[in-house]
Amino acid sequence: MKLKEFNRKTEAQRQELVSFLQKLDEIVPEEMPQLVAEEDAAMWAETDCLSCANCCKKMTPTFTPEDVNRIAAHLSMTAEAFRKKWLYKEKGAAGDWMNKSIPCQFLGSDNKCNIYEVRPEDCAAFPHHHKQPFDNYNDTFTQNLSYCPATYNLVQRLKKRVEKEYEW
């Protein structure tokens, strides 16, 4: 994945795809779950996250208390030592635990996660395409358009298909 090329494509089409997602907030095809499943499967057949890892390079997951405990134990640390070394508490109502550094400290030079088997749930669920109903997460997908080629490709595929098959 050539990230510079991805960034140019995203910049050129971002507003068009965001407009589609916004419209999808108001008009949802009845078959949307099936459309998402079909297009997501087709997209993953031609997507390799290890060639990209942009999510790990440009974003930070949230760490649940369970994530912190699991990862700390894996690293033979206390949860407190893990938080102190790697995380900060986000300001605001949510007060989520986030990485102090970006790119992620656990991203290897081969684009593989060094703690993959115990990674945060947020990472395991990314890019959140499985969340249902899909249209309830349009804000998430809007954000991820600029970071994740898989999300960009899925939204682009859905836009083409919905506009072709439905009165839009």
N, C-alpha and C. Protein backbone atom coordinates (compact mmCIF):
# COMPACT_ATOMS: atom_id res chain seq x y z
N MET A 1 0.84 -1.18 0.00
CA MET A 1 0.00 0.00 0.00
C MET A 1 0.89 1.24 0.00
N LYS A 2 0.71 2.04 -0.97
CA LYS A 2 1.45 3.30 -1.06
C LYS A 2 0.61 4.37 -0.38
N LEU A 3 1.03 4.77 0.81
CA LEU A 3 0.22 5.67 1.62
C LEU A 3 0.10 7.06 1.02
N LYS A 4 1.13 7.52 0.32
CA LYS A 4 1.02 8.84 -0.33
C LYS A 4 -0.06 8.82 -1.40
N GLU A 5 -0.11 7.75 -2.16
CA GLU A 5 -1.14 7.60 -3.20
C GLU A 5 -2.53 7.51 -2.54
N PHE A 6 -2.62 6.74 -1.46
CA PHE A 6 -3.88 6.63 -0.73
C PHE A 6 -4.32 8.00 -0.22
N ASN A 7 -3.41 8.77 0.34
CA ASN A 7 -3.74 10.10 0.85
C ASN A 7 -4.26 11.01 -0.26
N ARG A 8 -3.66 10.95 -1.44
CA ARG A 8 -4.12 11.77 -2.57
C ARG A 8 -5.53 11.35 -3.00
N LYS A 9 -5.76 10.04 -3.12
CA LYS A 9 -7.08 9.55 -3.50
C LYS A 9 -8.13 9.96 -2.47
N THR A 10 -7.79 9.82 -1.22
CA THR A 10 -8.73 10.16 -0.16
C THR A 10 -9.06 11.64 -0.19
N GLU A 11 -8.06 12.47 -0.35
CA GLU A 11 -8.29 13.92 -0.41
C GLU A 11 -9.23 14.27 -1.57
N ALA A 12 -9.02 13.63 -2.69
CA ALA A 12 -9.82 13.94 -3.88
C ALA A 12 -11.27 13.49 -3.74
N GLN A 13 -11.51 12.42 -3.03
CA GLN A 13 -12.87 11.86 -2.95
C GLN A 13 -13.50 11.94 -1.57
N ARG A 14 -12.80 12.47 -0.61
CA ARG A 14 -13.30 12.47 0.76
C ARG A 14 -14.68 13.11 0.88
N GLN A 15 -14.85 14.32 0.36
CA GLN A 15 -16.13 15.01 0.53
C GLN A 15 -17.28 14.24 -0.12
N GLU A 16 -17.01 13.65 -1.26
CA GLU A 16 -18.03 12.85 -1.95
C GLU A 16 -18.44 11.64 -1.10
N LEU A 17 -17.47 10.98 -0.49
CA LEU A 17 -17.76 9.81 0.34
C LEU A 17 -18.41 10.22 1.66
N VAL A 18 -17.99 11.33 2.21
CA VAL A 18 -18.60 11.84 3.45
C VAL A 18 -20.06 12.20 3.17
N SER A 19 -20.33 12.84 2.05
CA SER A 19 -21.71 13.18 1.68
C SER A 19 -22.56 11.93 1.55
N PHE A 20 -21.99 10.88 0.97
CA PHE A 20 -22.71 9.60 0.86
C PHE A 20 -23.05 9.07 2.25
N LEU A 21 -22.08 9.06 3.16
CA LEU A 21 -22.32 8.56 4.52
C LEU A 21 -23.37 9.42 5.24
N GLN A 22 -23.32 10.72 5.03
CA GLN A 22 -24.32 11.61 5.65
C GLN A 22 -25.72 11.31 5.12
N LYS A 23 -25.81 11.09 3.84
CA LYS A 23 -27.10 10.76 3.24
C LYS A 23 -27.58 9.40 3.75
N LEU A 24 -26.62 8.52 3.98
CA LEU A 24 -26.94 7.19 4.49
C LEU A 24 -27.50 7.27 5.92
N ASP A 25 -27.23 8.37 6.62
CA ASP A 25 -27.84 8.58 7.93
C ASP A 25 -29.35 8.75 7.81
N GLU A 26 -29.79 9.26 6.67
CA GLU A 26 -31.21 9.57 6.47
C GLU A 26 -31.95 8.51 5.66
N ILE A 27 -31.28 7.95 4.65
CA ILE A 27 -31.89 6.96 3.76
C ILE A 27 -31.07 5.68 3.85
N VAL A 28 -31.67 4.63 4.38
CA VAL A 28 -30.94 3.37 4.55
C VAL A 28 -31.65 2.28 3.75
N PRO A 29 -30.98 1.74 2.74
CA PRO A 29 -31.61 0.63 2.01
C PRO A 29 -31.94 -0.52 2.96
N GLU A 30 -33.07 -1.14 2.74
CA GLU A 30 -33.53 -2.23 3.59
C GLU A 30 -32.50 -3.37 3.65
N GLU A 31 -31.83 -3.60 2.55
CA GLU A 31 -30.87 -4.69 2.46
C GLU A 31 -29.46 -4.28 2.90
N MET A 32 -29.32 -3.18 3.62
CA MET A 32 -28.00 -2.66 3.97
C MET A 32 -27.10 -3.69 4.66
N PRO A 33 -27.57 -4.45 5.63
CA PRO A 33 -26.67 -5.44 6.25
C PRO A 33 -26.08 -6.43 5.23
N GLN A 34 -26.91 -6.88 4.29
CA GLN A 34 -26.43 -7.80 3.26
C GLN A 34 -25.44 -7.11 2.33
N LEU A 35 -25.75 -5.87 1.93
CA LEU A 35 -24.84 -5.11 1.05
C LEU A 35 -23.48 -4.94 1.72
N VAL A 36 -23.49 -4.55 2.99
CA VAL A 36 -22.24 -4.34 3.72
C VAL A 36 -21.46 -5.64 3.79
N ALA A 37 -22.12 -6.73 4.13
CA ALA A 37 -21.44 -8.03 4.24
C ALA A 37 -20.80 -8.44 2.92
N GLU A 38 -21.53 -8.29 1.83
CA GLU A 38 -21.02 -8.67 0.52
C GLU A 38 -19.84 -7.79 0.09
N GLU A 39 -20.00 -6.49 0.23
CA GLU A 39 -18.93 -5.59 -0.21
C GLU A 39 -17.72 -5.65 0.72
N ASP A 40 -17.96 -5.89 2.00
CA ASP A 40 -16.85 -6.03 2.94
C ASP A 40 -16.04 -7.27 2.62
N ALA A 41 -16.71 -8.37 2.33
CA ALA A 41 -16.00 -9.61 1.97
C ALA A 41 -15.18 -9.42 0.70
N ALA A 42 -15.76 -8.76 -0.29
CA ALA A 42 -15.04 -8.51 -1.55
C ALA A 42 -13.84 -7.59 -1.30
N MET A 43 -14.04 -6.59 -0.46
CA MET A 43 -12.95 -5.64 -0.17
C MET A 43 -11.80 -6.36 0.55
N TRP A 44 -12.12 -7.21 1.53
CA TRP A 44 -11.06 -7.91 2.27
C TRP A 44 -10.32 -8.91 1.40
N ALA A 45 -10.95 -9.40 0.36
CA ALA A 45 -10.28 -10.34 -0.55
C ALA A 45 -9.13 -9.66 -1.29
N GLU A 46 -9.15 -8.33 -1.36
CA GLU A 46 -8.07 -7.62 -2.06
C GLU A 46 -7.35 -6.60 -1.17
N THR A 47 -7.47 -6.75 0.15
CA THR A 47 -6.84 -5.82 1.08
C THR A 47 -5.88 -6.56 2.00
N ASP A 48 -4.68 -6.02 2.15
CA ASP A 48 -3.67 -6.60 3.03
C ASP A 48 -3.25 -5.54 4.05
N CYS A 49 -3.72 -5.68 5.27
CA CYS A 49 -3.41 -4.69 6.31
C CYS A 49 -1.90 -4.59 6.60
N LEU A 50 -1.18 -5.68 6.45
CA LEU A 50 0.25 -5.66 6.74
C LEU A 50 1.04 -4.82 5.72
N SER A 51 0.44 -4.54 4.58
CA SER A 51 1.13 -3.68 3.62
C SER A 51 0.91 -2.20 3.95
N CYS A 52 0.12 -1.94 4.97
CA CYS A 52 -0.28 -0.57 5.29
C CYS A 52 0.05 -0.21 6.73
N ALA A 53 -0.71 -0.74 7.67
CA ALA A 53 -0.59 -0.45 9.10
C ALA A 53 -0.75 1.04 9.42
N ASN A 54 -1.45 1.75 8.55
CA ASN A 54 -1.62 3.19 8.76
C ASN A 54 -2.37 3.48 10.05
N CYS A 55 -3.28 2.61 10.45
CA CYS A 55 -4.01 2.81 11.70
C CYS A 55 -3.02 2.85 12.87
N CYS A 56 -2.03 1.99 12.86
CA CYS A 56 -1.03 1.95 13.93
C CYS A 56 -0.05 3.11 13.84
N LYS A 57 0.11 3.64 12.63
CA LYS A 57 1.04 4.75 12.41
C LYS A 57 0.42 6.11 12.70
N LYS A 58 -0.90 6.24 12.55
CA LYS A 58 -1.54 7.55 12.63
C LYS A 58 -2.61 7.69 13.71
N MET A 59 -3.03 6.58 14.32
CA MET A 59 -4.12 6.62 15.29
C MET A 59 -3.68 5.94 16.58
N THR A 60 -4.47 6.13 17.62
CA THR A 60 -4.24 5.39 18.86
C THR A 60 -5.53 4.71 19.28
N PRO A 61 -5.44 3.47 19.73
CA PRO A 61 -6.64 2.82 20.24
C PRO A 61 -6.95 3.33 21.64
N THR A 62 -8.16 3.05 22.09
CA THR A 62 -8.46 3.24 23.50
C THR A 62 -8.15 1.91 24.19
N PHE A 63 -7.68 2.00 25.41
CA PHE A 63 -7.33 0.81 26.19
C PHE A 63 -8.33 0.68 27.32
N THR A 64 -9.07 -0.42 27.34
CA THR A 64 -10.00 -0.68 28.43
C THR A 64 -9.19 -1.17 29.65
N PRO A 65 -9.76 -1.16 30.83
CA PRO A 65 -9.05 -1.74 31.98
C PRO A 65 -8.64 -3.20 31.73
N GLU A 66 -9.51 -3.94 31.05
CA GLU A 66 -9.18 -5.34 30.73
C GLU A 66 -7.98 -5.42 29.79
N ASP A 67 -7.94 -4.51 28.80
CA ASP A 67 -6.79 -4.46 27.89
C ASP A 67 -5.51 -4.20 28.67
N VAL A 68 -5.55 -3.20 29.53
CA VAL A 68 -4.36 -2.83 30.32
C VAL A 68 -3.89 -4.02 31.14
N ASN A 69 -4.80 -4.68 31.84
CA ASN A 69 -4.42 -5.82 32.67
C ASN A 69 -3.83 -6.96 31.84
N ARG A 70 -4.47 -7.27 30.71
CA ARG A 70 -4.03 -8.36 29.85
C ARG A 70 -2.64 -8.08 29.26
N ILE A 71 -2.47 -6.88 28.73
CA ILE A 71 -1.19 -6.53 28.08
C ILE A 71 -0.08 -6.42 29.12
N ALA A 72 -0.40 -5.80 30.25
CA ALA A 72 0.61 -5.68 31.32
C ALA A 72 1.08 -7.06 31.78
N ALA A 73 0.15 -7.98 31.98
CA ALA A 73 0.53 -9.33 32.40
C ALA A 73 1.39 -10.00 31.33
N HIS A 74 1.04 -9.80 30.06
CA HIS A 74 1.82 -10.36 28.96
C HIS A 74 3.26 -9.81 28.96
N LEU A 75 3.41 -8.55 29.35
CA LEU A 75 4.72 -7.90 29.38
C LEU A 75 5.40 -8.03 30.75
N SER A 76 4.80 -8.81 31.64
CA SER A 76 5.31 -9.01 33.00
C SER A 76 5.47 -7.69 33.75
N MET A 77 4.45 -6.86 33.64
CA MET A 77 4.42 -5.57 34.32
C MET A 77 3.14 -5.48 35.14
N THR A 78 3.11 -4.54 36.06
CA THR A 78 1.85 -4.25 36.72
C THR A 78 1.04 -3.34 35.80
N ALA A 79 -0.26 -3.32 35.99
CA ALA A 79 -1.11 -2.43 35.19
C ALA A 79 -0.69 -0.98 35.40
N GLU A 80 -0.37 -0.62 36.63
CA GLU A 80 0.04 0.75 36.93
C GLU A 80 1.34 1.11 36.19
N ALA A 81 2.30 0.20 36.19
CA ALA A 81 3.58 0.45 35.50
C ALA A 81 3.34 0.56 33.99
N PHE A 82 2.46 -0.29 33.45
CA PHE A 82 2.15 -0.23 32.02
C PHE A 82 1.54 1.12 31.66
N ARG A 83 0.53 1.55 32.43
CA ARG A 83 -0.11 2.85 32.14
C ARG A 83 0.91 3.97 32.24
N LYS A 84 1.73 3.94 33.27
CA LYS A 84 2.72 5.01 33.48
C LYS A 84 3.73 5.08 32.33
N LYS A 85 4.15 3.93 31.85
CA LYS A 85 5.17 3.90 30.79
C LYS A 85 4.59 4.24 29.42
N TRP A 86 3.38 3.74 29.07
CA TRP A 86 2.91 3.80 27.70
C TRP A 86 1.67 4.64 27.43
N LEU A 87 0.88 4.95 28.47
CA LEU A 87 -0.44 5.54 28.23
C LEU A 87 -0.62 6.89 28.90
N TYR A 88 -1.63 7.61 28.46
CA TYR A 88 -2.09 8.81 29.16
C TYR A 88 -3.61 8.75 29.22
N LYS A 89 -4.17 9.44 30.19
CA LYS A 89 -5.63 9.47 30.34
C LYS A 89 -6.15 10.70 29.61
N GLU A 90 -7.02 10.44 28.65
CA GLU A 90 -7.59 11.50 27.83
C GLU A 90 -8.44 12.43 28.70
N LYS A 91 -8.37 13.71 28.42
CA LYS A 91 -9.20 14.67 29.14
C LYS A 91 -10.62 14.59 28.60
N GLY A 92 -11.57 14.96 29.42
CA GLY A 92 -12.96 14.95 29.00
C GLY A 92 -13.76 13.89 29.71
N ALA A 93 -15.00 13.80 29.31
CA ALA A 93 -15.94 12.91 29.99
C ALA A 93 -15.54 11.44 29.90
N ALA A 94 -15.05 11.02 28.73
CA ALA A 94 -14.74 9.60 28.54
C ALA A 94 -13.53 9.18 29.39
N GLY A 95 -12.52 10.01 29.43
CA GLY A 95 -11.33 9.69 30.21
C GLY A 95 -10.67 8.38 29.79
N ASP A 96 -10.64 8.13 28.47
CA ASP A 96 -10.05 6.90 27.96
C ASP A 96 -8.54 6.89 28.13
N TRP A 97 -8.00 5.69 28.24
CA TRP A 97 -6.55 5.52 28.23
C TRP A 97 -6.10 5.39 26.79
N MET A 98 -5.08 6.17 26.41
CA MET A 98 -4.60 6.23 25.03
C MET A 98 -3.07 6.09 25.03
N ASN A 99 -2.53 5.73 23.86
CA ASN A 99 -1.07 5.69 23.70
C ASN A 99 -0.47 7.07 23.86
N LYS A 100 0.66 7.14 24.53
CA LYS A 100 1.39 8.41 24.62
C LYS A 100 2.02 8.78 23.28
N SER A 101 2.37 7.77 22.50
CA SER A 101 3.09 8.04 21.26
C SER A 101 2.35 7.48 20.06
N ILE A 102 2.56 8.15 18.96
CA ILE A 102 2.08 7.70 17.65
C ILE A 102 3.27 7.83 16.72
N PRO A 103 3.67 6.81 16.00
CA PRO A 103 3.02 5.52 15.84
C PRO A 103 3.03 4.71 17.14
N CYS A 104 2.21 3.67 17.14
CA CYS A 104 2.08 2.82 18.31
C CYS A 104 3.43 2.20 18.66
N GLN A 105 3.71 2.19 19.94
CA GLN A 105 4.98 1.64 20.44
C GLN A 105 5.10 0.14 20.18
N PHE A 106 4.00 -0.52 19.88
CA PHE A 106 4.03 -1.97 19.65
C PHE A 106 4.07 -2.35 18.17
N LEU A 107 4.15 -1.36 17.29
CA LEU A 107 4.23 -1.62 15.86
C LEU A 107 5.66 -1.96 15.48
N GLY A 108 5.85 -3.13 14.89
CA GLY A 108 7.17 -3.55 14.46
C GLY A 108 7.52 -2.98 13.10
N SER A 109 8.78 -3.04 12.74
CA SER A 109 9.24 -2.51 11.45
C SER A 109 8.65 -3.28 10.27
N ASP A 110 8.12 -4.46 10.54
CA ASP A 110 7.49 -5.28 9.50
C ASP A 110 5.97 -5.04 9.41
N ASN A 111 5.50 -3.98 10.05
CA ASN A 111 4.07 -3.62 10.12
C ASN A 111 3.25 -4.63 10.92
N LYS A 112 3.90 -5.47 11.69
CA LYS A 112 3.19 -6.42 12.54
C LYS A 112 3.16 -5.89 13.97
N CYS A 113 2.09 -6.23 14.67
CA CYS A 113 1.93 -5.85 16.06
C CYS A 113 2.75 -6.80 16.94
N ASN A 114 3.57 -6.23 17.79
CA ASN A 114 4.41 -7.05 18.67
C ASN A 114 3.64 -7.68 19.82
N ILE A 115 2.40 -7.23 20.04
CA ILE A 115 1.55 -7.83 21.09
C ILE A 115 0.23 -8.31 20.48
N TYR A 116 0.27 -8.74 19.24
CA TYR A 116 -0.94 -9.07 18.49
C TYR A 116 -1.90 -9.97 19.27
N GLU A 117 -1.37 -11.01 19.89
CA GLU A 117 -2.24 -11.97 20.57
C GLU A 117 -2.96 -11.38 21.79
N VAL A 118 -2.47 -10.26 22.31
CA VAL A 118 -3.11 -9.62 23.47
C VAL A 118 -3.46 -8.15 23.19
N ARG A 119 -3.50 -7.76 21.92
CA ARG A 119 -3.73 -6.37 21.55
C ARG A 119 -5.04 -5.84 22.12
N PRO A 120 -5.17 -4.51 22.20
CA PRO A 120 -6.43 -3.93 22.71
C PRO A 120 -7.62 -4.35 21.86
N GLU A 121 -8.77 -4.44 22.50
CA GLU A 121 -10.01 -4.80 21.79
C GLU A 121 -10.29 -3.81 20.67
N ASP A 122 -9.98 -2.54 20.88
CA ASP A 122 -10.19 -1.52 19.86
C ASP A 122 -9.41 -1.86 18.59
N CYS A 123 -8.20 -2.35 18.75
CA CYS A 123 -7.38 -2.77 17.60
C CYS A 123 -7.97 -4.01 16.95
N ALA A 124 -8.39 -4.97 17.77
CA ALA A 124 -8.94 -6.22 17.23
C ALA A 124 -10.21 -5.96 16.43
N ALA A 125 -10.98 -4.96 16.82
CA ALA A 125 -12.24 -4.66 16.13
C ALA A 125 -12.07 -3.73 14.93
N PHE A 126 -10.93 -3.04 14.85
CA PHE A 126 -10.71 -2.08 13.78
C PHE A 126 -10.70 -2.77 12.43
N PRO A 127 -11.32 -2.22 11.40
CA PRO A 127 -11.89 -0.88 11.27
C PRO A 127 -13.38 -0.79 11.56
N HIS A 128 -13.91 -1.71 12.36
CA HIS A 128 -15.28 -1.64 12.88
C HIS A 128 -16.36 -1.84 11.82
N HIS A 129 -16.03 -2.46 10.72
CA HIS A 129 -17.03 -2.69 9.66
C HIS A 129 -18.14 -3.64 10.10
N HIS A 130 -17.88 -4.46 11.08
CA HIS A 130 -18.84 -5.46 11.54
C HIS A 130 -19.94 -4.89 12.43
N LYS A 131 -19.77 -3.67 12.89
CA LYS A 131 -20.76 -3.10 13.81
C LYS A 131 -22.10 -2.91 13.12
N GLN A 132 -23.16 -3.25 13.84
CA GLN A 132 -24.50 -3.20 13.28
C GLN A 132 -25.41 -2.34 14.13
N PRO A 133 -26.35 -1.65 13.55
CA PRO A 133 -26.47 -1.45 12.12
C PRO A 133 -25.37 -0.52 11.61
N PHE A 134 -24.88 -0.83 10.44
CA PHE A 134 -23.75 -0.13 9.83
C PHE A 134 -23.92 1.38 9.86
N ASP A 135 -25.12 1.86 9.50
CA ASP A 135 -25.35 3.30 9.39
C ASP A 135 -25.31 4.02 10.73
N ASN A 136 -25.36 3.31 11.85
CA ASN A 136 -25.20 3.96 13.15
C ASN A 136 -23.75 4.36 13.43
N TYR A 137 -22.83 3.90 12.60
CA TYR A 137 -21.41 4.14 12.82
C TYR A 137 -20.79 5.00 11.72
N ASN A 138 -21.63 5.76 11.03
CA ASN A 138 -21.13 6.59 9.93
C ASN A 138 -20.10 7.61 10.39
N ASP A 139 -20.21 8.10 11.62
CA ASP A 139 -19.19 9.03 12.13
C ASP A 139 -17.83 8.33 12.25
N THR A 140 -17.85 7.08 12.69
CA THR A 140 -16.61 6.30 12.78
C THR A 140 -16.01 6.10 11.39
N PHE A 141 -16.85 5.75 10.43
CA PHE A 141 -16.35 5.51 9.08
C PHE A 141 -15.88 6.81 8.42
N THR A 142 -16.56 7.90 8.71
CA THR A 142 -16.12 9.20 8.20
C THR A 142 -14.73 9.52 8.71
N GLN A 143 -14.49 9.30 9.98
CA GLN A 143 -13.15 9.54 10.56
C GLN A 143 -12.12 8.60 9.92
N ASN A 144 -12.48 7.34 9.78
CA ASN A 144 -11.52 6.34 9.31
C ASN A 144 -11.21 6.43 7.82
N LEU A 145 -12.03 7.14 7.05
CA LEU A 145 -11.77 7.29 5.61
C LEU A 145 -10.35 7.76 5.34
N SER A 146 -9.86 8.68 6.13
CA SER A 146 -8.54 9.26 5.90
C SER A 146 -7.40 8.41 6.44
N TYR A 147 -7.73 7.42 7.24
CA TYR A 147 -6.68 6.60 7.87
C TYR A 147 -6.60 5.18 7.35
N CYS A 148 -7.74 4.66 6.89
CA CYS A 148 -7.82 3.23 6.60
C CYS A 148 -8.25 2.96 5.17
N PRO A 149 -7.34 2.43 4.35
CA PRO A 149 -7.72 2.08 2.98
C PRO A 149 -8.88 1.08 2.92
N ALA A 150 -8.99 0.20 3.89
CA ALA A 150 -10.10 -0.77 3.89
C ALA A 150 -11.43 -0.04 4.04
N THR A 151 -11.50 0.94 4.93
CA THR A 151 -12.74 1.70 5.09
C THR A 151 -13.01 2.54 3.86
N TYR A 152 -11.99 3.19 3.35
CA TYR A 152 -12.14 3.98 2.13
C TYR A 152 -12.71 3.12 1.00
N ASN A 153 -12.12 1.94 0.80
CA ASN A 153 -12.57 1.04 -0.29
C ASN A 153 -13.98 0.52 -0.04
N LEU A 154 -14.31 0.20 1.20
CA LEU A 154 -15.64 -0.29 1.50
C LEU A 154 -16.68 0.80 1.22
N VAL A 155 -16.46 2.01 1.71
CA VAL A 155 -17.43 3.09 1.51
C VAL A 155 -17.56 3.40 0.02
N GLN A 156 -16.45 3.39 -0.68
CA GLN A 156 -16.48 3.63 -2.13
C GLN A 156 -17.31 2.55 -2.84
N ARG A 157 -17.12 1.29 -2.47
CA ARG A 157 -17.88 0.18 -3.05
C ARG A 157 -19.37 0.31 -2.74
N LEU A 158 -19.67 0.63 -1.48
CA LEU A 158 -21.07 0.77 -1.08
C LEU A 158 -21.74 1.91 -1.83
N LYS A 159 -21.02 3.02 -1.98
CA LYS A 159 -21.57 4.18 -2.70
C LYS A 159 -21.93 3.78 -4.13
N LYS A 160 -21.02 3.14 -4.83
CA LYS A 160 -21.28 2.72 -6.21
C LYS A 160 -22.47 1.78 -6.28
N ARG A 161 -22.51 0.84 -5.38
CA ARG A 161 -23.58 -0.16 -5.43
C ARG A 161 -24.94 0.45 -5.07
N VAL A 162 -24.98 1.24 -4.03
CA VAL A 162 -26.25 1.84 -3.61
C VAL A 162 -26.77 2.77 -4.70
N GLU A 163 -25.89 3.58 -5.25
CA GLU A 163 -26.32 4.51 -6.30
C GLU A 163 -26.78 3.78 -7.56
N LYS A 164 -26.24 2.63 -7.83
CA LYS A 164 -26.61 1.85 -9.01
C LYS A 164 -27.92 1.09 -8.80
N GLU A 165 -28.11 0.53 -7.60
CA GLU A 165 -29.22 -0.39 -7.37
C GLU A 165 -30.44 0.23 -6.71
N TYR A 166 -30.32 1.45 -6.21
CA TYR A 166 -31.42 2.04 -5.45
C TYR A 166 -31.73 3.45 -5.96
N GLU A 167 -32.97 3.87 -5.74
CA GLU A 167 -33.32 5.26 -6.01
C GLU A 167 -32.63 6.09 -4.96
N TRP A 168 -31.72 6.88 -5.37
CA TRP A 168 -30.86 7.58 -4.44
C TRP A 168 -30.94 9.04 -4.74
